[in-house]
Amino acid sequence: MGEPFSEDFPETISTIAEEPAHMQDDLSLMSYARKFRNDTEVLTMNARCWLLTQRTDRNISRSLHMKNEVIIDHFHFSQL
């Protein structure tokens, strides 16, 4: 079975204490990677929203421009 703690007891305790410290470092690294990925997703989403907004603005401007031309053409036609 297992051997009882003897002279190696302090070394065993320090080894046991080091394990969670390394695990904590790994968790911190994973957490940082997750945060970085989430920040990147937010930037990507903001860029997409900006592009959609720009496209929408362009389409609205084009639509309004065409409506203005129709109104002006109608006005000129009615003056004849």
PDB file of N, CA and C in Angstrom:
ATOM      1  N   MET A   1       0.845  -1.162   0.000  1.00  0.00           N
ATOM      2  CA  MET A   1       0.000   0.000   0.000  1.00  0.00           C
ATOM      3  C   MET A   1       0.892   1.226   0.000  1.00  0.00           C
ATOM      4  N   GLY A   2       0.392   2.283   0.552  1.00  0.00           N
ATOM      5  CA  GLY A   2       1.183   3.500   0.601  1.00  0.00           C
ATOM      6  C   GLY A   2       2.176   3.490   1.733  1.00  0.00           C
ATOM      7  N   GLU A   3       3.214   4.256   1.550  1.00  0.00           N
ATOM      8  CA  GLU A   3       4.217   4.347   2.606  1.00  0.00           C
ATOM      9  C   GLU A   3       3.888   5.536   3.491  1.00  0.00           C
ATOM     10  N   PRO A   4       4.151   5.419   4.755  1.00  0.00           N
ATOM     11  CA  PRO A   4       3.861   6.541   5.650  1.00  0.00           C
ATOM     12  C   PRO A   4       4.823   7.702   5.393  1.00  0.00           C
ATOM     13  N   PHE A   5       4.349   8.913   5.696  1.00  0.00           N
ATOM     14  CA  PHE A   5       5.227  10.078   5.590  1.00  0.00           C
ATOM     15  C   PHE A   5       6.364   9.918   6.578  1.00  0.00           C
ATOM     16  N   SER A   6       7.524  10.246   6.147  1.00  0.00           N
ATOM     17  CA  SER A   6       8.671  10.169   7.062  1.00  0.00           C
ATOM     18  C   SER A   6       9.518  11.402   6.858  1.00  0.00           C
ATOM     19  N   GLU A   7      10.781  11.210   6.523  1.00  0.00           N
ATOM     20  CA  GLU A   7      11.677  12.356   6.342  1.00  0.00           C
ATOM     21  C   GLU A   7      11.282  13.200   5.133  1.00  0.00           C
ATOM     22  N   ASP A   8      10.575  12.624   4.192  1.00  0.00           N
ATOM     23  CA  ASP A   8      10.197  13.354   2.978  1.00  0.00           C
ATOM     24  C   ASP A   8       8.934  14.192   3.153  1.00  0.00           C
ATOM     25  N   PHE A   9       8.422  14.234   4.343  1.00  0.00           N
ATOM     26  CA  PHE A   9       7.165  14.955   4.587  1.00  0.00           C
ATOM     27  C   PHE A   9       7.220  16.418   4.130  1.00  0.00           C
ATOM     28  N   PRO A  10       8.247  17.213   4.489  1.00  0.00           N
ATOM     29  CA  PRO A  10       8.276  18.614   4.012  1.00  0.00           C
ATOM     30  C   PRO A  10       8.332  18.704   2.489  1.00  0.00           C
ATOM     31  N   GLU A  11       9.069  17.826   1.859  1.00  0.00           N
ATOM     32  CA  GLU A  11       9.157  17.844   0.397  1.00  0.00           C
ATOM     33  C   GLU A  11       7.807  17.471  -0.224  1.00  0.00           C
ATOM     34  N   THR A  12       7.134  16.528   0.391  1.00  0.00           N
ATOM     35  CA  THR A  12       5.821  16.118  -0.099  1.00  0.00           C
ATOM     36  C   THR A  12       4.834  17.275  -0.007  1.00  0.00           C
ATOM     37  N   ILE A  13       4.856  17.980   1.103  1.00  0.00           N
ATOM     38  CA  ILE A  13       3.949  19.120   1.284  1.00  0.00           C
ATOM     39  C   ILE A  13       4.247  20.209   0.263  1.00  0.00           C
ATOM     40  N   SER A  14       5.524  20.497   0.015  1.00  0.00           N
ATOM     41  CA  SER A  14       5.847  21.546  -0.961  1.00  0.00           C
ATOM     42  C   SER A  14       5.427  21.124  -2.362  1.00  0.00           C
ATOM     43  N   THR A  15       5.545  19.846  -2.680  1.00  0.00           N
ATOM     44  CA  THR A  15       5.115  19.359  -3.994  1.00  0.00           C
ATOM     45  C   THR A  15       3.602  19.478  -4.129  1.00  0.00           C
ATOM     46  N   ILE A  16       2.897  19.121  -3.074  1.00  0.00           N
ATOM     47  CA  ILE A  16       1.436  19.234  -3.101  1.00  0.00           C
ATOM     48  C   ILE A  16       1.023  20.697  -3.227  1.00  0.00           C
ATOM     49  N   ALA A  17       1.751  21.594  -2.598  1.00  0.00           N
ATOM     50  CA  ALA A  17       1.424  23.023  -2.669  1.00  0.00           C
ATOM     51  C   ALA A  17       1.735  23.592  -4.048  1.00  0.00           C
ATOM     52  N   GLU A  18       2.747  23.054  -4.733  1.00  0.00           N
ATOM     53  CA  GLU A  18       3.107  23.561  -6.059  1.00  0.00           C
ATOM     54  C   GLU A  18       2.074  23.173  -7.106  1.00  0.00           C
ATOM     55  N   GLU A  19       1.468  22.026  -6.978  1.00  0.00           N
ATOM     56  CA  GLU A  19       0.500  21.572  -7.974  1.00  0.00           C
ATOM     57  C   GLU A  19      -0.638  22.567  -8.179  1.00  0.00           C
ATOM     58  N   PRO A  20      -1.336  22.988  -7.111  1.00  0.00           N
ATOM     59  CA  PRO A  20      -2.415  23.958  -7.339  1.00  0.00           C
ATOM     60  C   PRO A  20      -1.911  25.287  -7.907  1.00  0.00           C
ATOM     61  N   ALA A  21      -0.685  25.679  -7.568  1.00  0.00           N
ATOM     62  CA  ALA A  21      -0.152  26.933  -8.114  1.00  0.00           C
ATOM     63  C   ALA A  21      -0.015  26.826  -9.628  1.00  0.00           C
ATOM     64  N   HIS A  22       0.497  25.713 -10.115  1.00  0.00           N
ATOM     65  CA  HIS A  22       0.615  25.526 -11.568  1.00  0.00           C
ATOM     66  C   HIS A  22      -0.764  25.434 -12.211  1.00  0.00           C
ATOM     67  N   MET A  23      -1.672  24.768 -11.529  1.00  0.00           N
ATOM     68  CA  MET A  23      -3.029  24.674 -12.062  1.00  0.00           C
ATOM     69  C   MET A  23      -3.663  26.060 -12.129  1.00  0.00           C
ATOM     70  N   GLN A  24      -3.388  26.890 -11.143  1.00  0.00           N
ATOM     71  CA  GLN A  24      -3.932  28.254 -11.137  1.00  0.00           C
ATOM     72  C   GLN A  24      -3.358  29.058 -12.294  1.00  0.00           C
ATOM     73  N   ASP A  25      -2.056  28.877 -12.575  1.00  0.00           N
ATOM     74  CA  ASP A  25      -1.451  29.563 -13.718  1.00  0.00           C
ATOM     75  C   ASP A  25      -2.125  29.129 -15.014  1.00  0.00           C
ATOM     76  N   ASP A  26      -2.389  27.824 -15.131  1.00  0.00           N
ATOM     77  CA  ASP A  26      -3.060  27.324 -16.328  1.00  0.00           C
ATOM     78  C   ASP A  26      -4.460  27.916 -16.450  1.00  0.00           C
ATOM     79  N   LEU A  27      -5.162  27.996 -15.339  1.00  0.00           N
ATOM     80  CA  LEU A  27      -6.502  28.580 -15.363  1.00  0.00           C
ATOM     81  C   LEU A  27      -6.450  30.057 -15.730  1.00  0.00           C
ATOM     82  N   SER A  28      -5.439  30.766 -15.226  1.00  0.00           N
ATOM     83  CA  SER A  28      -5.299  32.186 -15.566  1.00  0.00           C
ATOM     84  C   SER A  28      -5.042  32.346 -17.057  1.00  0.00           C
ATOM     85  N   LEU A  29      -4.192  31.484 -17.599  1.00  0.00           N
ATOM     86  CA  LEU A  29      -3.886  31.544 -19.026  1.00  0.00           C
ATOM     87  C   LEU A  29      -5.138  31.256 -19.850  1.00  0.00           C
ATOM     88  N   MET A  30      -5.905  30.251 -19.438  1.00  0.00           N
ATOM     89  CA  MET A  30      -7.138  29.936 -20.158  1.00  0.00           C
ATOM     90  C   MET A  30      -8.137  31.079 -20.037  1.00  0.00           C
ATOM     91  N   SER A  31      -8.213  31.679 -18.875  1.00  0.00           N
ATOM     92  CA  SER A  31      -9.126  32.798 -18.671  1.00  0.00           C
ATOM     93  C   SER A  31      -8.715  33.981 -19.538  1.00  0.00           C
ATOM     94  N   TYR A  32      -7.420  34.248 -19.612  1.00  0.00           N
ATOM     95  CA  TYR A  32      -6.917  35.343 -20.436  1.00  0.00           C
ATOM     96  C   TYR A  32      -7.227  35.077 -21.908  1.00  0.00           C
ATOM     97  N   ALA A  33      -7.006  33.821 -22.331  1.00  0.00           N
ATOM     98  CA  ALA A  33      -7.290  33.468 -23.727  1.00  0.00           C
ATOM     99  C   ALA A  33      -8.776  33.636 -24.019  1.00  0.00           C
ATOM    100  N   ARG A  34      -9.625  33.243 -23.087  1.00  0.00           N
ATOM    101  CA  ARG A  34     -11.067  33.381 -23.275  1.00  0.00           C
ATOM    102  C   ARG A  34     -11.448  34.858 -23.342  1.00  0.00           C
ATOM    103  N   LYS A  35     -10.859  35.674 -22.476  1.00  0.00           N
ATOM    104  CA  LYS A  35     -11.156  37.108 -22.478  1.00  0.00           C
ATOM    105  C   LYS A  35     -10.700  37.736 -23.785  1.00  0.00           C
ATOM    106  N   PHE A  36      -9.524  37.346 -24.253  1.00  0.00           N
ATOM    107  CA  PHE A  36      -9.010  37.876 -25.513  1.00  0.00           C
ATOM    108  C   PHE A  36      -9.952  37.496 -26.655  1.00  0.00           C
ATOM    109  N   ARG A  37     -10.412  36.236 -26.659  1.00  0.00           N
ATOM    110  CA  ARG A  37     -11.320  35.791 -27.705  1.00  0.00           C
ATOM    111  C   ARG A  37     -12.625  36.574 -27.632  1.00  0.00           C
ATOM    112  N   ASN A  38     -13.144  36.786 -26.432  1.00  0.00           N
ATOM    113  CA  ASN A  38     -14.392  37.529 -26.283  1.00  0.00           C
ATOM    114  C   ASN A  38     -14.229  38.975 -26.725  1.00  0.00           C
ATOM    115  N   ASP A  39     -13.095  39.596 -26.391  1.00  0.00           N
ATOM    116  CA  ASP A  39     -12.847  40.972 -26.832  1.00  0.00           C
ATOM    117  C   ASP A  39     -12.790  41.035 -28.350  1.00  0.00           C
ATOM    118  N   THR A  40     -12.174  40.028 -28.964  1.00  0.00           N
ATOM    119  CA  THR A  40     -12.082  39.987 -30.417  1.00  0.00           C
ATOM    120  C   THR A  40     -13.462  39.835 -31.030  1.00  0.00           C
ATOM    121  N   GLU A  41     -14.298  39.005 -30.417  1.00  0.00           N
ATOM    122  CA  GLU A  41     -15.656  38.838 -30.930  1.00  0.00           C
ATOM    123  C   GLU A  41     -16.428  40.141 -30.845  1.00  0.00           C
ATOM    124  N   VAL A  42     -16.238  40.883 -29.778  1.00  0.00           N
ATOM    125  CA  VAL A  42     -16.928  42.165 -29.632  1.00  0.00           C
ATOM    126  C   VAL A  42     -16.471  43.125 -30.719  1.00  0.00           C
ATOM    127  N   LEU A  43     -15.163  43.180 -30.970  1.00  0.00           N
ATOM    128  CA  LEU A  43     -14.658  44.056 -32.025  1.00  0.00           C
ATOM    129  C   LEU A  43     -15.206  43.645 -33.378  1.00  0.00           C
ATOM    130  N   THR A  44     -15.264  42.348 -33.621  1.00  0.00           N
ATOM    131  CA  THR A  44     -15.796  41.868 -34.889  1.00  0.00           C
ATOM    132  C   THR A  44     -17.265  42.241 -35.024  1.00  0.00           C
ATOM    133  N   MET A  45     -18.018  42.060 -33.963  1.00  0.00           N
ATOM    134  CA  MET A  45     -19.432  42.412 -34.007  1.00  0.00           C
ATOM    135  C   MET A  45     -19.601  43.907 -34.230  1.00  0.00           C
ATOM    136  N   ASN A  46     -18.786  44.730 -33.575  1.00  0.00           N
ATOM    137  CA  ASN A  46     -18.883  46.176 -33.763  1.00  0.00           C
ATOM    138  C   ASN A  46     -18.546  46.552 -35.197  1.00  0.00           C
ATOM    139  N   ALA A  47     -17.543  45.892 -35.767  1.00  0.00           N
ATOM    140  CA  ALA A  47     -17.180  46.175 -37.153  1.00  0.00           C
ATOM    141  C   ALA A  47     -18.330  45.803 -38.081  1.00  0.00           C
ATOM    142  N   ARG A  48     -18.965  44.674 -37.821  1.00  0.00           N
ATOM    143  CA  ARG A  48     -20.099  44.272 -38.658  1.00  0.00           C
ATOM    144  C   ARG A  48     -21.252  45.257 -38.513  1.00  0.00           C
ATOM    145  N   CYS A  49     -21.518  45.684 -37.302  1.00  0.00           N
ATOM    146  CA  CYS A  49     -22.589  46.667 -37.093  1.00  0.00           C
ATOM    147  C   CYS A  49     -22.270  47.954 -37.829  1.00  0.00           C
ATOM    148  N   TRP A  50     -21.010  48.383 -37.775  1.00  0.00           N
ATOM    149  CA  TRP A  50     -20.605  49.601 -38.461  1.00  0.00           C
ATOM    150  C   TRP A  50     -20.805  49.443 -39.960  1.00  0.00           C
ATOM    151  N   LEU A  51     -20.398  48.270 -40.497  1.00  0.00           N
ATOM    152  CA  LEU A  51     -20.573  48.048 -41.929  1.00  0.00           C
ATOM    153  C   LEU A  51     -22.050  48.034 -42.297  1.00  0.00           C
ATOM    154  N   LEU A  52     -22.863  47.365 -41.496  1.00  0.00           N
ATOM    155  CA  LEU A  52     -24.297  47.355 -41.779  1.00  0.00           C
ATOM    156  C   LEU A  52     -24.869  48.760 -41.714  1.00  0.00           C
ATOM    157  N   THR A  53     -24.416  49.541 -40.756  1.00  0.00           N
ATOM    158  CA  THR A  53     -24.891  50.915 -40.634  1.00  0.00           C
ATOM    159  C   THR A  53     -24.484  51.722 -41.858  1.00  0.00           C
ATOM    160  N   GLN A  54     -23.242  51.561 -42.295  1.00  0.00           N
ATOM    161  CA  GLN A  54     -22.777  52.296 -43.470  1.00  0.00           C
ATOM    162  C   GLN A  54     -23.576  51.898 -44.701  1.00  0.00           C
ATOM    163  N   ARG A  55     -23.817  50.600 -44.862  1.00  0.00           N
ATOM    164  CA  ARG A  55     -24.594  50.144 -46.019  1.00  0.00           C
ATOM    165  C   ARG A  55     -26.014  50.684 -45.947  1.00  0.00           C
ATOM    166  N   THR A  56     -26.594  50.648 -44.783  1.00  0.00           N
ATOM    167  CA  THR A  56     -27.961  51.144 -44.619  1.00  0.00           C
ATOM    168  C   THR A  56     -28.020  52.634 -44.917  1.00  0.00           C
ATOM    169  N   ASP A  57     -27.051  53.386 -44.398  1.00  0.00           N
ATOM    170  CA  ASP A  57     -27.016  54.831 -44.667  1.00  0.00           C
ATOM    171  C   ASP A  57     -26.900  55.098 -46.160  1.00  0.00           C
ATOM    172  N   ARG A  58     -26.038  54.332 -46.825  1.00  0.00           N
ATOM    173  CA  ARG A  58     -25.859  54.514 -48.259  1.00  0.00           C
ATOM    174  C   ARG A  58     -27.155  54.218 -49.006  1.00  0.00           C
ATOM    175  N   ASN A  59     -27.816  53.116 -48.634  1.00  0.00           N
ATOM    176  CA  ASN A  59     -29.061  52.757 -49.309  1.00  0.00           C
ATOM    177  C   ASN A  59     -30.149  53.779 -49.046  1.00  0.00           C
ATOM    178  N   ILE A  60     -30.227  54.277 -47.846  1.00  0.00           N
ATOM    179  CA  ILE A  60     -31.225  55.305 -47.531  1.00  0.00           C
ATOM    180  C   ILE A  60     -30.920  56.575 -48.310  1.00  0.00           C
ATOM    181  N   SER A  61     -29.645  56.964 -48.354  1.00  0.00           N
ATOM    182  CA  SER A  61     -29.267  58.170 -49.099  1.00  0.00           C
ATOM    183  C   SER A  61     -29.603  58.012 -50.573  1.00  0.00           C
ATOM    184  N   ARG A  62     -29.290  56.847 -51.134  1.00  0.00           N
ATOM    185  CA  ARG A  62     -29.575  56.595 -52.542  1.00  0.00           C
ATOM    186  C   ARG A  62     -31.083  56.626 -52.775  1.00  0.00           C
ATOM    187  N   SER A  63     -31.824  56.035 -51.860  1.00  0.00           N
ATOM    188  CA  SER A  63     -33.282  56.010 -51.983  1.00  0.00           C
ATOM    189  C   SER A  63     -33.854  57.423 -51.922  1.00  0.00           C
ATOM    190  N   LEU A  64     -33.380  58.220 -50.981  1.00  0.00           N
ATOM    191  CA  LEU A  64     -33.857  59.596 -50.863  1.00  0.00           C
ATOM    192  C   LEU A  64     -33.474  60.416 -52.086  1.00  0.00           C
ATOM    193  N   HIS A  65     -32.274  60.182 -52.599  1.00  0.00           N
ATOM    194  CA  HIS A  65     -31.824  60.903 -53.785  1.00  0.00           C
ATOM    195  C   HIS A  65     -32.750  60.592 -54.962  1.00  0.00           C
ATOM    196  N   MET A  66     -33.097  59.317 -55.125  1.00  0.00           N
ATOM    197  CA  MET A  66     -33.981  58.931 -56.221  1.00  0.00           C
ATOM    198  C   MET A  66     -35.372  59.534 -56.034  1.00  0.00           C
ATOM    199  N   LYS A  67     -35.861  59.559 -54.809  1.00  0.00           N
ATOM    200  CA  LYS A  67     -37.174  60.160 -54.556  1.00  0.00           C
ATOM    201  C   LYS A  67     -37.145  61.648 -54.881  1.00  0.00           C
ATOM    202  N   ASN A  68     -36.055  62.319 -54.541  1.00  0.00           N
ATOM    203  CA  ASN A  68     -35.935  63.746 -54.853  1.00  0.00           C
ATOM    204  C   ASN A  68     -35.919  63.972 -56.353  1.00  0.00           C
ATOM    205  N   GLU A  69     -35.231  63.112 -57.097  1.00  0.00           N
ATOM    206  CA  GLU A  69     -35.208  63.252 -58.554  1.00  0.00           C
ATOM    207  C   GLU A  69     -36.604  63.071 -59.133  1.00  0.00           C
ATOM    208  N   VAL A  70     -37.337  62.105 -58.613  1.00  0.00           N
ATOM    209  CA  VAL A  70     -38.701  61.875 -59.096  1.00  0.00           C
ATOM    210  C   VAL A  70     -39.573  63.092 -58.809  1.00  0.00           C
ATOM    211  N   ILE A  71     -39.433  63.656 -57.633  1.00  0.00           N
ATOM    212  CA  ILE A  71     -40.214  64.850 -57.275  1.00  0.00           C
ATOM    213  C   ILE A  71     -39.848  66.010 -58.188  1.00  0.00           C
ATOM    214  N   ILE A  72     -38.555  66.199 -58.433  1.00  0.00           N
ATOM    215  CA  ILE A  72     -38.111  67.296 -59.303  1.00  0.00           C
ATOM    216  C   ILE A  72     -38.603  67.069 -60.724  1.00  0.00           C
ATOM    217  N   ASP A  73     -38.480  65.827 -61.235  1.00  0.00           N
ATOM    218  CA  ASP A  73     -38.968  65.529 -62.585  1.00  0.00           C
ATOM    219  C   ASP A  73     -40.470  65.767 -62.678  1.00  0.00           C
ATOM    220  N   HIS A  74     -41.192  65.362 -61.679  1.00  0.00           N
ATOM    221  CA  HIS A  74     -42.640  65.564 -61.665  1.00  0.00           C
ATOM    222  C   HIS A  74     -42.967  67.058 -61.648  1.00  0.00           C
ATOM    223  N   PHE A  75     -42.202  67.814 -60.894  1.00  0.00           N
ATOM    224  CA  PHE A  75     -42.416  69.256 -60.814  1.00  0.00           C
ATOM    225  C   PHE A  75     -42.176  69.898 -62.174  1.00  0.00           C
ATOM    226  N   HIS A  76     -41.074  69.517 -62.853  1.00  0.00           N
ATOM    227  CA  HIS A  76     -40.782  70.075 -64.179  1.00  0.00           C
ATOM    228  C   HIS A  76     -41.859  69.673 -65.178  1.00  0.00           C
ATOM    229  N   PHE A  77     -42.312  68.438 -65.101  1.00  0.00           N
ATOM    230  CA  PHE A  77     -43.326  67.958 -66.031  1.00  0.00           C
ATOM    231  C   PHE A  77     -44.644  68.701 -65.823  1.00  0.00           C
ATOM    232  N   SER A  78     -44.979  68.994 -64.590  1.00  0.00           N
ATOM    233  CA  SER A  78     -46.248  69.676 -64.321  1.00  0.00           C
ATOM    234  C   SER A  78     -46.192  71.152 -64.714  1.00  0.00           C
ATOM    235  N   GLN A  79     -45.008  71.703 -64.831  1.00  0.00           N
ATOM    236  CA  GLN A  79     -44.866  73.102 -65.226  1.00  0.00           C
ATOM    237  C   GLN A  79     -45.075  73.289 -66.724  1.00  0.00           C
ATOM    238  N   LEU A  80     -44.986  72.196 -67.493  1.00  0.00           N
ATOM    239  CA  LEU A  80     -45.126  72.318 -68.949  1.00  0.00           C
ATOM    240  C   LEU A  80     -46.512  72.544 -69.386  1.00  0.00           C
TER     241      LEU A  80
END
